Amino acid sequence: MKAAKYVIRLTCVLGFFLSLTCAAYPMNDTEKAKIEYLISSVSELKGAKFIRNGSEYDTAAAAKHLRRKLKSAGDKISTAEEFIEYCATRSSISGEPYTIKLQSGFIQSGAYFREKLKSYTGKADRQKSS
């Protein structure tokens, strides 16, 4: 019991100091659009399940959870890459990676979101050059 309290206190103290060292920059509209694209891409997956801490959730619940984590992070997230790393890859409670169960198999959510971000960035680049 004492060890658990110690771990909790230590985690809180480290989290506090980490928050002081993180530079917070406001998110620009381009990054907001990228993040919304990423979250929407999950909510639009047909027949998929989002696995978080060993439990399966439908894609609407997954999108809601990701939006809640983003809101909770506040100004600590200023880019889509930071969103992927700090909100969409693993549980902030257990540290377990998030997984997406697709009809074709399983994919770690970090890999899924990085691929989606690449495709979004590629589309934006093609639209600029048109």
N, C-alpha and C. Protein backbone atom coordinates (compact mmCIF):
# COMPACT_ATOMS: atom_id res chain seq x y z
N MET A 1 0.82 -1.18 0.00
CA MET A 1 0.00 0.00 0.00
C MET A 1 0.87 1.25 0.00
N LYS A 2 1.92 1.25 0.85
CA LYS A 2 2.81 2.41 0.90
C LYS A 2 3.51 2.61 -0.44
N ALA A 3 3.88 1.50 -1.07
CA ALA A 3 4.56 1.58 -2.37
C ALA A 3 3.65 2.20 -3.42
N ALA A 4 2.38 1.83 -3.40
CA ALA A 4 1.43 2.38 -4.38
C ALA A 4 1.26 3.87 -4.17
N LYS A 5 1.15 4.32 -2.93
CA LYS A 5 1.03 5.75 -2.65
C LYS A 5 2.28 6.49 -3.10
N TYR A 6 3.43 5.89 -2.87
CA TYR A 6 4.69 6.50 -3.28
C TYR A 6 4.74 6.66 -4.80
N VAL A 7 4.34 5.63 -5.52
CA VAL A 7 4.34 5.68 -6.98
C VAL A 7 3.39 6.76 -7.48
N ILE A 8 2.22 6.85 -6.86
CA ILE A 8 1.25 7.87 -7.27
C ILE A 8 1.80 9.27 -7.02
N ARG A 9 2.38 9.49 -5.86
CA ARG A 9 2.97 10.81 -5.55
C ARG A 9 4.10 11.13 -6.50
N LEU A 10 4.97 10.17 -6.73
CA LEU A 10 6.09 10.39 -7.62
C LEU A 10 5.61 10.71 -9.03
N THR A 11 4.60 10.01 -9.49
CA THR A 11 4.04 10.26 -10.81
C THR A 11 3.48 11.67 -10.90
N CYS A 12 2.77 12.09 -9.87
CA CYS A 12 2.20 13.45 -9.85
C CYS A 12 3.31 14.51 -9.87
N VAL A 13 4.33 14.31 -9.06
CA VAL A 13 5.43 15.27 -9.01
C VAL A 13 6.15 15.33 -10.35
N LEU A 14 6.46 14.17 -10.93
CA LEU A 14 7.13 14.15 -12.22
C LEU A 14 6.27 14.78 -13.31
N GLY A 15 4.97 14.49 -13.27
CA GLY A 15 4.05 15.08 -14.23
C GLY A 15 4.03 16.59 -14.12
N PHE A 16 4.04 17.10 -12.90
CA PHE A 16 4.05 18.54 -12.68
C PHE A 16 5.31 19.16 -13.27
N PHE A 17 6.47 18.60 -12.97
CA PHE A 17 7.71 19.17 -13.49
C PHE A 17 7.81 19.03 -15.01
N LEU A 18 7.32 17.93 -15.53
CA LEU A 18 7.31 17.75 -16.98
C LEU A 18 6.45 18.81 -17.63
N SER A 19 5.31 19.12 -17.02
CA SER A 19 4.42 20.13 -17.60
C SER A 19 5.08 21.51 -17.59
N LEU A 20 5.95 21.76 -16.63
CA LEU A 20 6.65 23.04 -16.60
C LEU A 20 7.70 23.15 -17.70
N THR A 21 8.26 22.01 -18.10
CA THR A 21 9.33 22.05 -19.09
C THR A 21 8.81 22.00 -20.52
N CYS A 22 7.56 21.62 -20.70
CA CYS A 22 7.00 21.53 -22.05
C CYS A 22 6.60 22.92 -22.52
N ALA A 23 7.11 23.29 -23.65
CA ALA A 23 6.71 24.57 -24.23
C ALA A 23 5.33 24.42 -24.84
N ALA A 24 4.45 25.28 -24.47
CA ALA A 24 3.09 25.22 -25.00
C ALA A 24 2.91 26.30 -26.04
N TYR A 25 2.56 25.89 -27.23
CA TYR A 25 2.30 26.81 -28.32
C TYR A 25 0.86 26.60 -28.76
N PRO A 26 0.17 27.69 -29.06
CA PRO A 26 -1.21 27.50 -29.52
C PRO A 26 -1.25 26.73 -30.83
N MET A 27 -2.26 25.92 -30.96
CA MET A 27 -2.41 25.11 -32.17
C MET A 27 -2.96 25.98 -33.29
N ASN A 28 -2.33 25.90 -34.46
CA ASN A 28 -2.84 26.67 -35.60
C ASN A 28 -3.95 25.91 -36.32
N ASP A 29 -4.63 26.58 -37.22
CA ASP A 29 -5.78 25.98 -37.91
C ASP A 29 -5.40 24.77 -38.75
N THR A 30 -4.21 24.79 -39.33
CA THR A 30 -3.75 23.65 -40.14
C THR A 30 -3.62 22.40 -39.27
N GLU A 31 -3.02 22.56 -38.11
CA GLU A 31 -2.84 21.41 -37.20
C GLU A 31 -4.19 20.95 -36.66
N LYS A 32 -5.09 21.88 -36.36
CA LYS A 32 -6.44 21.50 -35.91
C LYS A 32 -7.13 20.66 -36.97
N ALA A 33 -6.99 21.07 -38.23
CA ALA A 33 -7.63 20.33 -39.33
C ALA A 33 -7.03 18.92 -39.45
N LYS A 34 -5.73 18.81 -39.29
CA LYS A 34 -5.08 17.49 -39.35
C LYS A 34 -5.61 16.58 -38.24
N ILE A 35 -5.69 17.12 -37.03
CA ILE A 35 -6.14 16.32 -35.90
C ILE A 35 -7.60 15.92 -36.08
N GLU A 36 -8.41 16.83 -36.54
CA GLU A 36 -9.82 16.49 -36.78
C GLU A 36 -9.93 15.41 -37.85
N TYR A 37 -9.09 15.50 -38.88
CA TYR A 37 -9.06 14.46 -39.91
C TYR A 37 -8.72 13.10 -39.31
N LEU A 38 -7.72 13.08 -38.42
CA LEU A 38 -7.30 11.82 -37.79
C LEU A 38 -8.42 11.23 -36.94
N ILE A 39 -9.03 12.06 -36.13
CA ILE A 39 -10.11 11.56 -35.26
C ILE A 39 -11.29 11.09 -36.11
N SER A 40 -11.64 11.87 -37.12
CA SER A 40 -12.75 11.49 -38.00
C SER A 40 -12.47 10.20 -38.74
N SER A 41 -11.21 9.97 -39.08
CA SER A 41 -10.87 8.74 -39.80
C SER A 41 -11.19 7.51 -38.97
N VAL A 42 -11.05 7.61 -37.65
CA VAL A 42 -11.38 6.49 -36.77
C VAL A 42 -12.90 6.34 -36.69
N SER A 43 -13.59 7.45 -36.50
CA SER A 43 -15.04 7.35 -36.33
C SER A 43 -15.74 6.83 -37.59
N GLU A 44 -15.08 6.97 -38.74
CA GLU A 44 -15.67 6.52 -40.01
C GLU A 44 -15.31 5.09 -40.39
N LEU A 45 -14.49 4.43 -39.58
CA LEU A 45 -14.12 3.04 -39.87
C LEU A 45 -15.35 2.14 -39.70
N LYS A 46 -15.64 1.37 -40.69
CA LYS A 46 -16.80 0.47 -40.64
C LYS A 46 -16.40 -0.88 -40.03
N GLY A 47 -17.15 -1.30 -39.04
CA GLY A 47 -16.93 -2.61 -38.44
C GLY A 47 -15.67 -2.72 -37.59
N ALA A 48 -15.03 -1.62 -37.30
CA ALA A 48 -13.79 -1.65 -36.52
C ALA A 48 -14.09 -1.50 -35.03
N LYS A 49 -13.14 -1.90 -34.22
CA LYS A 49 -13.21 -1.72 -32.77
C LYS A 49 -11.90 -1.09 -32.31
N PHE A 50 -12.01 -0.21 -31.36
CA PHE A 50 -10.86 0.47 -30.77
C PHE A 50 -10.60 -0.21 -29.43
N ILE A 51 -9.42 -0.75 -29.26
CA ILE A 51 -9.11 -1.50 -28.04
C ILE A 51 -8.24 -0.64 -27.13
N ARG A 52 -8.80 -0.40 -25.95
CA ARG A 52 -8.14 0.47 -24.97
C ARG A 52 -8.18 -0.22 -23.62
N ASN A 53 -7.00 -0.43 -23.05
CA ASN A 53 -6.87 -1.11 -21.75
C ASN A 53 -7.62 -2.44 -21.71
N GLY A 54 -7.52 -3.18 -22.82
CA GLY A 54 -8.09 -4.52 -22.88
C GLY A 54 -9.57 -4.58 -23.21
N SER A 55 -10.24 -3.45 -23.35
CA SER A 55 -11.67 -3.43 -23.66
C SER A 55 -11.89 -2.87 -25.05
N GLU A 56 -12.88 -3.43 -25.74
CA GLU A 56 -13.23 -2.98 -27.09
C GLU A 56 -14.29 -1.89 -27.03
N TYR A 57 -14.11 -0.87 -27.86
CA TYR A 57 -15.06 0.24 -27.96
C TYR A 57 -15.39 0.45 -29.42
N ASP A 58 -16.61 0.91 -29.68
CA ASP A 58 -16.94 1.23 -31.07
C ASP A 58 -16.19 2.50 -31.47
N THR A 59 -16.20 2.77 -32.75
CA THR A 59 -15.39 3.87 -33.25
C THR A 59 -15.90 5.25 -32.82
N ALA A 60 -17.21 5.38 -32.60
CA ALA A 60 -17.75 6.64 -32.10
C ALA A 60 -17.24 6.93 -30.68
N ALA A 61 -17.21 5.89 -29.84
CA ALA A 61 -16.69 6.04 -28.48
C ALA A 61 -15.20 6.34 -28.51
N ALA A 62 -14.48 5.74 -29.46
CA ALA A 62 -13.05 5.99 -29.60
C ALA A 62 -12.80 7.46 -29.96
N ALA A 63 -13.57 7.97 -30.92
CA ALA A 63 -13.42 9.37 -31.33
C ALA A 63 -13.72 10.31 -30.16
N LYS A 64 -14.76 9.99 -29.41
CA LYS A 64 -15.13 10.81 -28.25
C LYS A 64 -14.00 10.80 -27.22
N HIS A 65 -13.42 9.63 -26.98
CA HIS A 65 -12.32 9.50 -26.03
C HIS A 65 -11.10 10.32 -26.48
N LEU A 66 -10.78 10.25 -27.76
CA LEU A 66 -9.62 10.99 -28.28
C LEU A 66 -9.85 12.50 -28.18
N ARG A 67 -11.06 12.94 -28.46
CA ARG A 67 -11.37 14.38 -28.32
C ARG A 67 -11.27 14.82 -26.86
N ARG A 68 -11.70 13.96 -25.95
CA ARG A 68 -11.61 14.28 -24.53
C ARG A 68 -10.15 14.37 -24.09
N LYS A 69 -9.31 13.44 -24.57
CA LYS A 69 -7.89 13.49 -24.23
C LYS A 69 -7.23 14.74 -24.80
N LEU A 70 -7.61 15.10 -26.01
CA LEU A 70 -7.07 16.31 -26.64
C LEU A 70 -7.47 17.54 -25.83
N LYS A 71 -8.71 17.62 -25.46
CA LYS A 71 -9.19 18.76 -24.68
C LYS A 71 -8.47 18.82 -23.34
N SER A 72 -8.29 17.68 -22.72
CA SER A 72 -7.61 17.61 -21.43
C SER A 72 -6.15 18.05 -21.54
N ALA A 73 -5.53 17.75 -22.66
CA ALA A 73 -4.12 18.13 -22.87
C ALA A 73 -3.96 19.64 -23.03
N GLY A 74 -5.01 20.30 -23.48
CA GLY A 74 -4.96 21.76 -23.61
C GLY A 74 -3.87 22.22 -24.56
N ASP A 75 -3.14 23.23 -24.13
CA ASP A 75 -2.11 23.83 -24.97
C ASP A 75 -0.83 23.01 -25.06
N LYS A 76 -0.79 21.86 -24.41
CA LYS A 76 0.40 21.00 -24.48
C LYS A 76 0.51 20.33 -25.84
N ILE A 77 -0.59 20.27 -26.57
CA ILE A 77 -0.60 19.67 -27.91
C ILE A 77 -0.76 20.79 -28.93
N SER A 78 0.25 20.94 -29.80
CA SER A 78 0.16 21.99 -30.80
C SER A 78 0.30 21.47 -32.23
N THR A 79 0.61 20.17 -32.37
CA THR A 79 0.74 19.60 -33.72
C THR A 79 0.04 18.24 -33.78
N ALA A 80 -0.25 17.80 -34.99
CA ALA A 80 -0.85 16.48 -35.19
C ALA A 80 0.09 15.38 -34.70
N GLU A 81 1.39 15.57 -34.90
CA GLU A 81 2.36 14.58 -34.44
C GLU A 81 2.32 14.44 -32.92
N GLU A 82 2.20 15.58 -32.22
CA GLU A 82 2.10 15.54 -30.76
C GLU A 82 0.79 14.87 -30.33
N PHE A 83 -0.28 15.14 -31.06
CA PHE A 83 -1.55 14.48 -30.76
C PHE A 83 -1.40 12.97 -30.86
N ILE A 84 -0.76 12.51 -31.93
CA ILE A 84 -0.56 11.06 -32.10
C ILE A 84 0.25 10.51 -30.93
N GLU A 85 1.37 11.17 -30.65
CA GLU A 85 2.28 10.66 -29.62
C GLU A 85 1.67 10.68 -28.22
N TYR A 86 1.01 11.75 -27.86
CA TYR A 86 0.58 11.92 -26.47
C TYR A 86 -0.90 11.61 -26.20
N CYS A 87 -1.72 11.56 -27.23
CA CYS A 87 -3.15 11.30 -27.01
C CYS A 87 -3.65 10.03 -27.67
N ALA A 88 -3.09 9.66 -28.81
CA ALA A 88 -3.71 8.62 -29.64
C ALA A 88 -2.95 7.30 -29.72
N THR A 89 -1.87 7.18 -29.00
CA THR A 89 -1.03 5.99 -29.13
C THR A 89 -1.18 5.00 -27.99
N ARG A 90 -1.33 5.52 -26.78
CA ARG A 90 -1.36 4.63 -25.61
C ARG A 90 -2.18 5.25 -24.50
N SER A 91 -2.55 4.40 -23.56
CA SER A 91 -3.29 4.86 -22.38
C SER A 91 -2.36 5.67 -21.50
N SER A 92 -2.81 6.82 -21.08
CA SER A 92 -2.00 7.62 -20.17
C SER A 92 -2.08 7.07 -18.75
N ILE A 93 -3.03 6.19 -18.50
CA ILE A 93 -3.17 5.57 -17.17
C ILE A 93 -2.29 4.33 -17.06
N SER A 94 -2.47 3.39 -17.98
CA SER A 94 -1.76 2.10 -17.88
C SER A 94 -0.49 2.05 -18.73
N GLY A 95 -0.40 2.92 -19.74
CA GLY A 95 0.74 2.87 -20.66
C GLY A 95 0.56 1.84 -21.76
N GLU A 96 -0.55 1.09 -21.73
CA GLU A 96 -0.80 0.07 -22.76
C GLU A 96 -1.08 0.74 -24.10
N PRO A 97 -0.52 0.20 -25.17
CA PRO A 97 -0.80 0.79 -26.50
C PRO A 97 -2.24 0.56 -26.90
N TYR A 98 -2.79 1.52 -27.62
CA TYR A 98 -4.12 1.36 -28.21
C TYR A 98 -3.98 0.53 -29.47
N THR A 99 -4.99 -0.28 -29.74
CA THR A 99 -5.01 -1.11 -30.93
C THR A 99 -6.35 -0.91 -31.63
N ILE A 100 -6.32 -0.97 -32.94
CA ILE A 100 -7.55 -0.90 -33.73
C ILE A 100 -7.74 -2.26 -34.39
N LYS A 101 -8.91 -2.84 -34.15
CA LYS A 101 -9.25 -4.13 -34.75
C LYS A 101 -10.06 -3.84 -36.02
N LEU A 102 -9.43 -4.07 -37.15
CA LEU A 102 -10.07 -3.87 -38.45
C LEU A 102 -10.60 -5.21 -38.95
N GLN A 103 -11.38 -5.18 -40.00
CA GLN A 103 -11.86 -6.44 -40.58
C GLN A 103 -10.69 -7.26 -41.12
N SER A 104 -9.62 -6.58 -41.51
CA SER A 104 -8.46 -7.27 -42.07
C SER A 104 -7.41 -7.67 -41.04
N GLY A 105 -7.61 -7.29 -39.78
CA GLY A 105 -6.64 -7.63 -38.74
C GLY A 105 -6.47 -6.48 -37.75
N PHE A 106 -5.39 -6.54 -37.00
CA PHE A 106 -5.12 -5.55 -35.95
C PHE A 106 -4.00 -4.62 -36.38
N ILE A 107 -4.08 -3.37 -35.91
CA ILE A 107 -3.01 -2.40 -36.14
C ILE A 107 -2.87 -1.55 -34.89
N GLN A 108 -1.65 -1.26 -34.51
CA GLN A 108 -1.42 -0.35 -33.40
C GLN A 108 -1.92 1.03 -33.82
N SER A 109 -2.58 1.72 -32.91
CA SER A 109 -3.18 3.00 -33.28
C SER A 109 -2.13 4.03 -33.72
N GLY A 110 -0.96 4.00 -33.12
CA GLY A 110 0.09 4.94 -33.52
C GLY A 110 0.45 4.77 -34.99
N ALA A 111 0.61 3.53 -35.42
CA ALA A 111 0.93 3.26 -36.82
C ALA A 111 -0.22 3.68 -37.73
N TYR A 112 -1.44 3.40 -37.30
CA TYR A 112 -2.62 3.79 -38.08
C TYR A 112 -2.66 5.30 -38.28
N PHE A 113 -2.51 6.05 -37.19
CA PHE A 113 -2.60 7.51 -37.28
C PHE A 113 -1.44 8.11 -38.06
N ARG A 114 -0.26 7.54 -37.93
CA ARG A 114 0.88 8.07 -38.71
C ARG A 114 0.66 7.87 -40.21
N GLU A 115 0.11 6.73 -40.58
CA GLU A 115 -0.21 6.48 -41.99
C GLU A 115 -1.29 7.43 -42.49
N LYS A 116 -2.31 7.64 -41.67
CA LYS A 116 -3.38 8.58 -42.04
C LYS A 116 -2.83 9.99 -42.18
N LEU A 117 -1.93 10.38 -41.29
CA LEU A 117 -1.35 11.72 -41.37
C LEU A 117 -0.52 11.87 -42.64
N LYS A 118 0.23 10.83 -43.00
CA LYS A 118 0.99 10.87 -44.26
C LYS A 118 0.06 11.06 -45.45
N SER A 119 -1.05 10.34 -45.46
CA SER A 119 -1.97 10.45 -46.60
C SER A 119 -2.62 11.83 -46.62
N TYR A 120 -2.94 12.39 -45.46
CA TYR A 120 -3.51 13.73 -45.39
C TYR A 120 -2.51 14.76 -45.90
N THR A 121 -1.28 14.65 -45.45
CA THR A 121 -0.24 15.59 -45.86
C THR A 121 0.02 15.47 -47.36
N GLY A 122 0.01 14.24 -47.88
CA GLY A 122 0.20 14.03 -49.31
C GLY A 122 -0.93 14.65 -50.12
N LYS A 123 -2.16 14.52 -49.65
CA LYS A 123 -3.31 15.12 -50.33
C LYS A 123 -3.18 16.64 -50.34
N ALA A 124 -2.79 17.21 -49.20
CA ALA A 124 -2.66 18.66 -49.11
C ALA A 124 -1.56 19.17 -50.04
N ASP A 125 -0.46 18.42 -50.12
CA ASP A 125 0.64 18.81 -51.02
C ASP A 125 0.20 18.76 -52.47
N ARG A 126 -0.57 17.71 -52.83
CA ARG A 126 -1.05 17.60 -54.22
C ARG A 126 -2.03 18.72 -54.56
N GLN A 127 -2.86 19.12 -53.60
CA GLN A 127 -3.81 20.19 -53.84
C GLN A 127 -3.11 21.54 -54.01
N LYS A 128 -2.02 21.76 -53.28
CA LYS A 128 -1.26 23.00 -53.41
C LYS A 128 -0.61 23.11 -54.79
N SER A 129 -0.13 21.98 -55.30
CA SER A 129 0.58 22.01 -56.58
C SER A 129 -0.37 22.03 -57.78
N SER A 130 -1.65 21.82 -57.55
CA SER A 130 -2.64 21.82 -58.65
C SER A 130 -2.98 23.21 -59.08
